C-alpha cells in the first residue's frame, strides 16, 4: 500500500482507498500501468492507495493533511508519496524517514510517517496539490 497526499479545491477532508477489492480498481490499475516501477525505490510494489485529500489551501490544511496521513500510516503502514517544489528538495533531503527521492521536472519524495511529521514541523511547510 502507498499513501499519498493530495490537496484539491473542495471544502472537505476526504480519505479515499482504492486497489484490488476496494474502491475504483480500474483507476488504480490505470494509474499504475504507465507509472514508474516503485519497487526499486521503496522495496515493494503497492497493492492499494490511500489518498488523504484536504479541501482548503491554508497552512493549517497542509499540516492537518500531513499529520492525518501519518496517523493513518501508523495503523495501515505504507509509504507516503509527495511531489515537491524545487525549493523543498533541500528541506526534505536528510529528514528522518526519507526512503527515496527522485529528481527531474517533478521531484518526488517517498517516506515514512516519521518523515511526514518531521517535514510538517519545518518552517513554511506545504504540500503540493
N, C-alpha and C. Protein backbone atom coordinates (compact mmCIF):
# COMPACT_ATOMS: atom_id res chain seq x y z
N UNK A 1 0.84 -1.16 0.00
CA UNK A 1 0.00 0.00 0.00
C UNK A 1 0.89 1.23 0.00
N UNK A 2 0.50 2.24 -0.75
CA UNK A 2 1.23 3.51 -0.74
C UNK A 2 0.26 4.61 -0.35
N UNK A 3 0.69 5.48 0.51
CA UNK A 3 -0.12 6.59 0.97
C UNK A 3 0.37 7.83 0.24
N UNK A 4 -0.52 8.62 -0.30
CA UNK A 4 -0.08 9.83 -0.97
C UNK A 4 -0.96 10.99 -0.56
N UNK A 5 -0.44 12.18 -0.64
CA UNK A 5 -1.14 13.38 -0.23
C UNK A 5 -1.62 14.15 -1.44
N UNK A 6 -2.87 14.59 -1.40
CA UNK A 6 -3.43 15.42 -2.44
C UNK A 6 -4.11 16.61 -1.78
N UNK A 7 -4.32 17.70 -2.51
CA UNK A 7 -4.94 18.88 -1.93
C UNK A 7 -5.78 19.59 -2.98
N UNK A 8 -6.95 19.03 -3.36
CA UNK A 8 -7.77 19.68 -4.39
C UNK A 8 -8.55 20.87 -3.82
N UNK A 9 -9.40 21.48 -4.62
CA UNK A 9 -10.05 22.73 -4.25
C UNK A 9 -11.43 22.56 -3.62
N UNK A 10 -11.77 21.44 -3.05
CA UNK A 10 -13.06 21.31 -2.38
C UNK A 10 -12.94 21.80 -0.94
N UNK A 11 -14.03 21.83 -0.19
CA UNK A 11 -14.03 22.34 1.18
C UNK A 11 -14.19 21.21 2.19
N UNK A 12 -13.55 20.11 2.01
CA UNK A 12 -13.69 18.97 2.91
C UNK A 12 -12.38 18.21 3.01
N UNK A 13 -12.31 17.33 4.00
CA UNK A 13 -11.20 16.40 4.09
C UNK A 13 -11.74 15.03 3.76
N UNK A 14 -11.06 14.33 2.90
CA UNK A 14 -11.53 13.04 2.41
C UNK A 14 -10.39 12.05 2.46
N UNK A 15 -10.70 10.83 2.88
CA UNK A 15 -9.74 9.73 2.81
C UNK A 15 -10.34 8.72 1.84
N UNK A 16 -9.63 8.45 0.77
CA UNK A 16 -10.12 7.59 -0.30
C UNK A 16 -9.18 6.40 -0.46
N UNK A 17 -9.72 5.19 -0.45
CA UNK A 17 -8.92 3.97 -0.59
C UNK A 17 -9.29 3.30 -1.90
N UNK A 18 -8.28 2.84 -2.64
CA UNK A 18 -8.56 2.08 -3.86
C UNK A 18 -7.48 1.06 -4.10
N UNK A 19 -7.87 0.02 -4.80
CA UNK A 19 -6.99 -1.08 -5.12
C UNK A 19 -7.81 -2.33 -5.31
N UNK A 20 -7.19 -3.47 -5.50
CA UNK A 20 -7.93 -4.70 -5.71
C UNK A 20 -8.93 -4.97 -4.57
N UNK A 21 -10.18 -5.05 -4.93
CA UNK A 21 -11.23 -5.35 -3.96
C UNK A 21 -11.78 -4.14 -3.23
N UNK A 22 -11.19 -2.95 -3.45
CA UNK A 22 -11.63 -1.75 -2.73
C UNK A 22 -11.64 -0.56 -3.69
N UNK A 23 -12.72 0.18 -3.67
CA UNK A 23 -12.77 1.42 -4.44
C UNK A 23 -12.72 1.19 -5.94
N UNK A 24 -12.17 2.15 -6.62
CA UNK A 24 -12.13 2.14 -8.08
C UNK A 24 -10.91 1.37 -8.58
N UNK A 25 -11.09 0.08 -8.79
CA UNK A 25 -9.97 -0.77 -9.22
C UNK A 25 -9.42 -0.37 -10.59
N UNK A 26 -10.31 0.05 -11.49
CA UNK A 26 -9.86 0.44 -12.83
C UNK A 26 -8.94 1.67 -12.78
N UNK A 27 -9.27 2.64 -11.94
CA UNK A 27 -8.43 3.83 -11.81
C UNK A 27 -7.08 3.45 -11.21
N UNK A 28 -7.10 2.61 -10.19
CA UNK A 28 -5.85 2.15 -9.58
C UNK A 28 -4.96 1.48 -10.63
N UNK A 29 -5.53 0.57 -11.39
CA UNK A 29 -4.76 -0.15 -12.41
C UNK A 29 -4.24 0.81 -13.49
N UNK A 30 -5.07 1.77 -13.91
CA UNK A 30 -4.65 2.72 -14.94
C UNK A 30 -3.51 3.61 -14.45
N UNK A 31 -3.59 4.07 -13.19
CA UNK A 31 -2.54 4.92 -12.65
C UNK A 31 -1.20 4.19 -12.53
N UNK A 32 -1.26 2.90 -12.28
CA UNK A 32 -0.03 2.14 -12.09
C UNK A 32 0.48 1.46 -13.36
N UNK A 33 -0.34 1.42 -14.40
CA UNK A 33 0.07 0.76 -15.64
C UNK A 33 1.19 1.52 -16.33
N UNK A 34 1.13 2.84 -16.33
CA UNK A 34 2.14 3.63 -17.03
C UNK A 34 3.07 4.39 -16.08
N UNK A 35 2.93 4.14 -14.80
CA UNK A 35 3.77 4.81 -13.82
C UNK A 35 5.11 4.12 -13.65
N UNK A 36 5.98 4.73 -12.87
CA UNK A 36 7.31 4.14 -12.65
C UNK A 36 7.21 2.89 -11.78
N UNK A 37 8.19 2.03 -11.92
CA UNK A 37 8.29 0.85 -11.06
C UNK A 37 8.78 1.32 -9.70
N UNK A 38 7.93 1.22 -8.69
CA UNK A 38 8.28 1.73 -7.37
C UNK A 38 9.11 0.77 -6.53
N UNK A 39 9.12 -0.50 -6.90
CA UNK A 39 9.83 -1.48 -6.07
C UNK A 39 11.30 -1.12 -5.84
N UNK A 40 12.05 -0.68 -6.85
CA UNK A 40 13.45 -0.31 -6.58
C UNK A 40 13.59 0.88 -5.62
N UNK A 41 12.57 1.74 -5.56
CA UNK A 41 12.64 2.92 -4.69
C UNK A 41 12.21 2.62 -3.26
N UNK A 42 11.13 1.85 -3.09
CA UNK A 42 10.54 1.66 -1.76
C UNK A 42 10.56 0.21 -1.30
N UNK A 43 11.13 -0.67 -2.10
CA UNK A 43 11.31 -2.09 -1.76
C UNK A 43 10.03 -2.91 -1.74
N UNK A 44 8.98 -2.45 -2.38
CA UNK A 44 7.78 -3.26 -2.59
C UNK A 44 6.94 -2.61 -3.69
N UNK A 45 6.00 -3.39 -4.22
CA UNK A 45 5.06 -2.87 -5.22
C UNK A 45 3.73 -2.62 -4.52
N UNK A 46 3.24 -1.40 -4.52
CA UNK A 46 1.98 -1.10 -3.83
C UNK A 46 0.82 -1.89 -4.42
N UNK A 47 -0.07 -2.32 -3.55
CA UNK A 47 -1.28 -3.01 -3.99
C UNK A 47 -2.51 -2.14 -3.82
N UNK A 48 -2.44 -1.14 -2.95
CA UNK A 48 -3.55 -0.23 -2.70
C UNK A 48 -3.02 1.19 -2.53
N UNK A 49 -3.90 2.16 -2.68
CA UNK A 49 -3.55 3.56 -2.47
C UNK A 49 -4.56 4.16 -1.50
N UNK A 50 -4.07 4.94 -0.55
CA UNK A 50 -4.92 5.72 0.33
C UNK A 50 -4.61 7.19 0.04
N UNK A 51 -5.60 7.90 -0.50
CA UNK A 51 -5.44 9.32 -0.76
C UNK A 51 -6.01 10.08 0.42
N UNK A 52 -5.25 11.01 0.97
CA UNK A 52 -5.73 11.90 2.02
C UNK A 52 -5.84 13.27 1.36
N UNK A 53 -7.06 13.78 1.29
CA UNK A 53 -7.34 14.96 0.50
C UNK A 53 -7.88 16.07 1.39
N UNK A 54 -7.22 17.22 1.40
CA UNK A 54 -7.70 18.39 2.14
C UNK A 54 -8.33 19.35 1.16
N UNK A 55 -9.49 19.87 1.52
CA UNK A 55 -10.23 20.71 0.60
C UNK A 55 -9.88 22.18 0.64
N UNK A 56 -8.93 22.59 1.43
CA UNK A 56 -8.54 24.00 1.51
C UNK A 56 -7.04 24.12 1.33
N UNK A 57 -6.55 25.34 1.21
CA UNK A 57 -5.15 25.54 0.89
C UNK A 57 -4.44 26.43 1.91
N UNK A 58 -4.96 26.50 3.13
CA UNK A 58 -4.31 27.29 4.17
C UNK A 58 -3.21 26.46 4.83
N UNK A 59 -2.25 27.08 5.48
CA UNK A 59 -1.18 26.31 6.15
C UNK A 59 -1.71 25.24 7.09
N UNK A 60 -2.78 25.53 7.83
CA UNK A 60 -3.32 24.55 8.76
C UNK A 60 -3.87 23.33 8.01
N UNK A 61 -4.38 23.53 6.80
CA UNK A 61 -4.90 22.42 6.00
C UNK A 61 -3.76 21.50 5.55
N UNK A 62 -2.63 22.10 5.18
CA UNK A 62 -1.48 21.30 4.79
C UNK A 62 -0.96 20.50 5.99
N UNK A 63 -0.88 21.15 7.13
CA UNK A 63 -0.41 20.49 8.35
C UNK A 63 -1.36 19.35 8.75
N UNK A 64 -2.66 19.63 8.75
CA UNK A 64 -3.63 18.59 9.13
C UNK A 64 -3.58 17.41 8.17
N UNK A 65 -3.42 17.67 6.89
CA UNK A 65 -3.35 16.58 5.90
C UNK A 65 -2.12 15.71 6.16
N UNK A 66 -0.98 16.32 6.39
CA UNK A 66 0.24 15.55 6.64
C UNK A 66 0.12 14.74 7.92
N UNK A 67 -0.39 15.35 8.98
CA UNK A 67 -0.49 14.62 10.26
C UNK A 67 -1.55 13.53 10.22
N UNK A 68 -2.67 13.77 9.52
CA UNK A 68 -3.68 12.72 9.35
C UNK A 68 -3.10 11.57 8.53
N UNK A 69 -2.37 11.88 7.49
CA UNK A 69 -1.73 10.84 6.69
C UNK A 69 -0.76 10.02 7.54
N UNK A 70 0.04 10.69 8.36
CA UNK A 70 0.98 9.98 9.24
C UNK A 70 0.23 9.08 10.22
N UNK A 71 -0.89 9.55 10.76
CA UNK A 71 -1.66 8.74 11.70
C UNK A 71 -2.25 7.51 11.01
N UNK A 72 -2.73 7.68 9.78
CA UNK A 72 -3.24 6.54 9.02
C UNK A 72 -2.12 5.55 8.74
N UNK A 73 -0.94 6.06 8.40
CA UNK A 73 0.21 5.19 8.15
C UNK A 73 0.59 4.41 9.40
N UNK A 74 0.43 5.00 10.58
CA UNK A 74 0.72 4.29 11.82
C UNK A 74 -0.16 3.05 11.94
N UNK A 75 -1.37 3.11 11.40
CA UNK A 75 -2.32 2.00 11.50
C UNK A 75 -2.14 1.00 10.36
N UNK A 76 -2.08 1.49 9.12
CA UNK A 76 -2.09 0.59 7.96
C UNK A 76 -0.72 0.36 7.34
N UNK A 77 0.28 1.12 7.76
CA UNK A 77 1.59 1.00 7.13
C UNK A 77 1.64 1.81 5.85
N UNK A 78 2.54 1.46 5.00
CA UNK A 78 2.64 2.13 3.72
C UNK A 78 3.75 3.16 3.68
N UNK A 79 3.82 3.84 2.55
CA UNK A 79 4.84 4.84 2.27
C UNK A 79 4.16 6.08 1.73
N UNK A 80 4.52 7.23 2.26
CA UNK A 80 4.00 8.50 1.75
C UNK A 80 4.72 8.85 0.46
N UNK A 81 3.95 9.37 -0.49
CA UNK A 81 4.47 9.79 -1.80
C UNK A 81 4.08 11.24 -1.97
N UNK A 82 5.04 12.14 -2.04
CA UNK A 82 4.73 13.57 -2.16
C UNK A 82 5.59 14.20 -3.23
N UNK A 83 4.94 14.96 -4.12
CA UNK A 83 5.68 15.75 -5.09
C UNK A 83 6.19 17.00 -4.38
N UNK A 84 7.33 17.49 -4.85
CA UNK A 84 7.99 18.62 -4.20
C UNK A 84 8.16 19.78 -5.15
N UNK A 85 8.15 20.98 -4.59
CA UNK A 85 8.62 22.14 -5.32
C UNK A 85 10.14 22.09 -5.32
N UNK A 86 10.79 22.71 -6.28
CA UNK A 86 12.25 22.66 -6.36
C UNK A 86 12.92 23.12 -5.06
N UNK A 87 12.35 24.18 -4.43
CA UNK A 87 12.98 24.69 -3.21
C UNK A 87 12.72 23.80 -1.99
N UNK A 88 11.85 22.81 -2.11
CA UNK A 88 11.58 21.90 -0.99
C UNK A 88 12.56 20.72 -0.96
N UNK A 89 13.24 20.45 -2.06
CA UNK A 89 14.14 19.30 -2.14
C UNK A 89 15.21 19.39 -1.05
N UNK A 90 15.84 20.54 -0.91
CA UNK A 90 16.89 20.70 0.10
C UNK A 90 16.33 20.59 1.51
N UNK A 91 15.08 20.99 1.70
CA UNK A 91 14.46 20.92 3.04
C UNK A 91 14.23 19.48 3.45
N UNK A 92 13.71 18.64 2.54
CA UNK A 92 13.37 17.26 2.92
C UNK A 92 14.56 16.31 2.86
N UNK A 93 15.56 16.66 2.06
CA UNK A 93 16.73 15.79 1.95
C UNK A 93 17.40 15.68 3.31
N UNK A 94 17.52 14.48 3.81
CA UNK A 94 18.17 14.27 5.09
C UNK A 94 17.23 14.22 6.28
N UNK A 95 15.92 14.49 6.07
CA UNK A 95 14.98 14.35 7.18
C UNK A 95 14.86 12.87 7.56
N UNK A 96 14.56 12.58 8.81
CA UNK A 96 14.37 11.18 9.20
C UNK A 96 13.19 10.57 8.45
N UNK A 97 13.32 9.31 8.10
CA UNK A 97 12.23 8.60 7.45
C UNK A 97 12.15 8.74 5.95
N UNK A 98 13.08 9.49 5.32
CA UNK A 98 13.10 9.57 3.85
C UNK A 98 13.62 8.24 3.32
N UNK A 99 12.83 7.59 2.48
CA UNK A 99 13.24 6.31 1.90
C UNK A 99 13.89 6.48 0.54
N UNK A 100 13.37 7.42 -0.25
CA UNK A 100 13.91 7.65 -1.59
C UNK A 100 13.44 9.01 -2.09
N UNK A 101 14.22 9.58 -3.00
CA UNK A 101 13.84 10.82 -3.66
C UNK A 101 14.16 10.68 -5.14
N UNK A 102 13.31 11.28 -5.96
CA UNK A 102 13.59 11.33 -7.38
C UNK A 102 13.76 12.80 -7.76
N UNK A 103 14.49 13.05 -8.85
CA UNK A 103 14.66 14.41 -9.31
C UNK A 103 13.98 14.56 -10.65
N UNK A 104 14.27 15.60 -11.33
CA UNK A 104 13.64 15.84 -12.62
C UNK A 104 12.65 16.98 -12.54
N UNK A 105 11.78 17.08 -13.53
CA UNK A 105 10.83 18.19 -13.56
C UNK A 105 9.81 18.15 -12.43
N UNK A 106 9.55 16.96 -11.88
CA UNK A 106 8.64 16.81 -10.74
C UNK A 106 9.34 16.02 -9.64
N UNK A 107 10.18 16.67 -8.83
CA UNK A 107 10.86 15.94 -7.77
C UNK A 107 9.83 15.29 -6.84
N UNK A 108 10.15 14.10 -6.37
CA UNK A 108 9.24 13.34 -5.52
C UNK A 108 10.01 12.75 -4.36
N UNK A 109 9.36 12.68 -3.20
CA UNK A 109 9.94 12.05 -2.04
C UNK A 109 9.02 10.92 -1.60
N UNK A 110 9.62 9.82 -1.14
CA UNK A 110 8.90 8.70 -0.56
C UNK A 110 9.41 8.56 0.87
N UNK A 111 8.48 8.49 1.82
CA UNK A 111 8.92 8.43 3.20
C UNK A 111 7.93 7.80 4.15
N UNK A 112 8.36 7.65 5.38
CA UNK A 112 7.57 7.03 6.44
C UNK A 112 6.71 8.09 7.14
N UNK A 113 5.91 7.63 8.09
CA UNK A 113 5.13 8.55 8.91
C UNK A 113 6.06 9.49 9.68
N UNK A 114 7.20 8.98 10.12
CA UNK A 114 8.18 9.81 10.81
C UNK A 114 8.64 10.95 9.90
N UNK A 115 8.85 10.64 8.63
CA UNK A 115 9.23 11.68 7.66
C UNK A 115 8.16 12.76 7.57
N UNK A 116 6.89 12.36 7.44
CA UNK A 116 5.82 13.35 7.31
C UNK A 116 5.77 14.28 8.52
N UNK A 117 5.92 13.71 9.69
CA UNK A 117 5.89 14.53 10.90
C UNK A 117 7.09 15.49 10.95
N UNK A 118 8.26 15.01 10.55
CA UNK A 118 9.45 15.87 10.54
C UNK A 118 9.32 16.98 9.51
N UNK A 119 8.80 16.65 8.34
CA UNK A 119 8.64 17.66 7.29
C UNK A 119 7.59 18.70 7.71
N UNK A 120 6.48 18.22 8.29
CA UNK A 120 5.42 19.14 8.71
C UNK A 120 5.91 20.12 9.78
N UNK A 121 6.94 19.76 10.51
CA UNK A 121 7.49 20.63 11.56
C UNK A 121 8.42 21.70 11.00
N UNK A 122 8.75 21.63 9.72
CA UNK A 122 9.66 22.60 9.11
C UNK A 122 8.94 23.93 8.86
N UNK A 123 9.64 25.06 9.06
CA UNK A 123 9.01 26.37 8.76
C UNK A 123 8.57 26.44 7.30
N UNK A 124 7.39 26.97 7.08
CA UNK A 124 6.88 27.14 5.72
C UNK A 124 6.40 25.87 5.06
N UNK A 125 6.21 24.81 5.83
CA UNK A 125 5.77 23.53 5.26
C UNK A 125 4.50 23.70 4.44
N UNK A 126 4.46 23.03 3.29
CA UNK A 126 3.24 22.95 2.48
C UNK A 126 3.34 21.78 1.53
N UNK A 127 2.20 21.20 1.22
CA UNK A 127 2.09 20.11 0.24
C UNK A 127 1.74 20.72 -1.11
N UNK A 128 2.02 19.95 -2.16
CA UNK A 128 1.56 20.36 -3.49
C UNK A 128 0.16 19.83 -3.71
N UNK A 129 -0.53 20.45 -4.62
CA UNK A 129 -1.86 19.97 -4.98
C UNK A 129 -1.72 18.78 -5.87
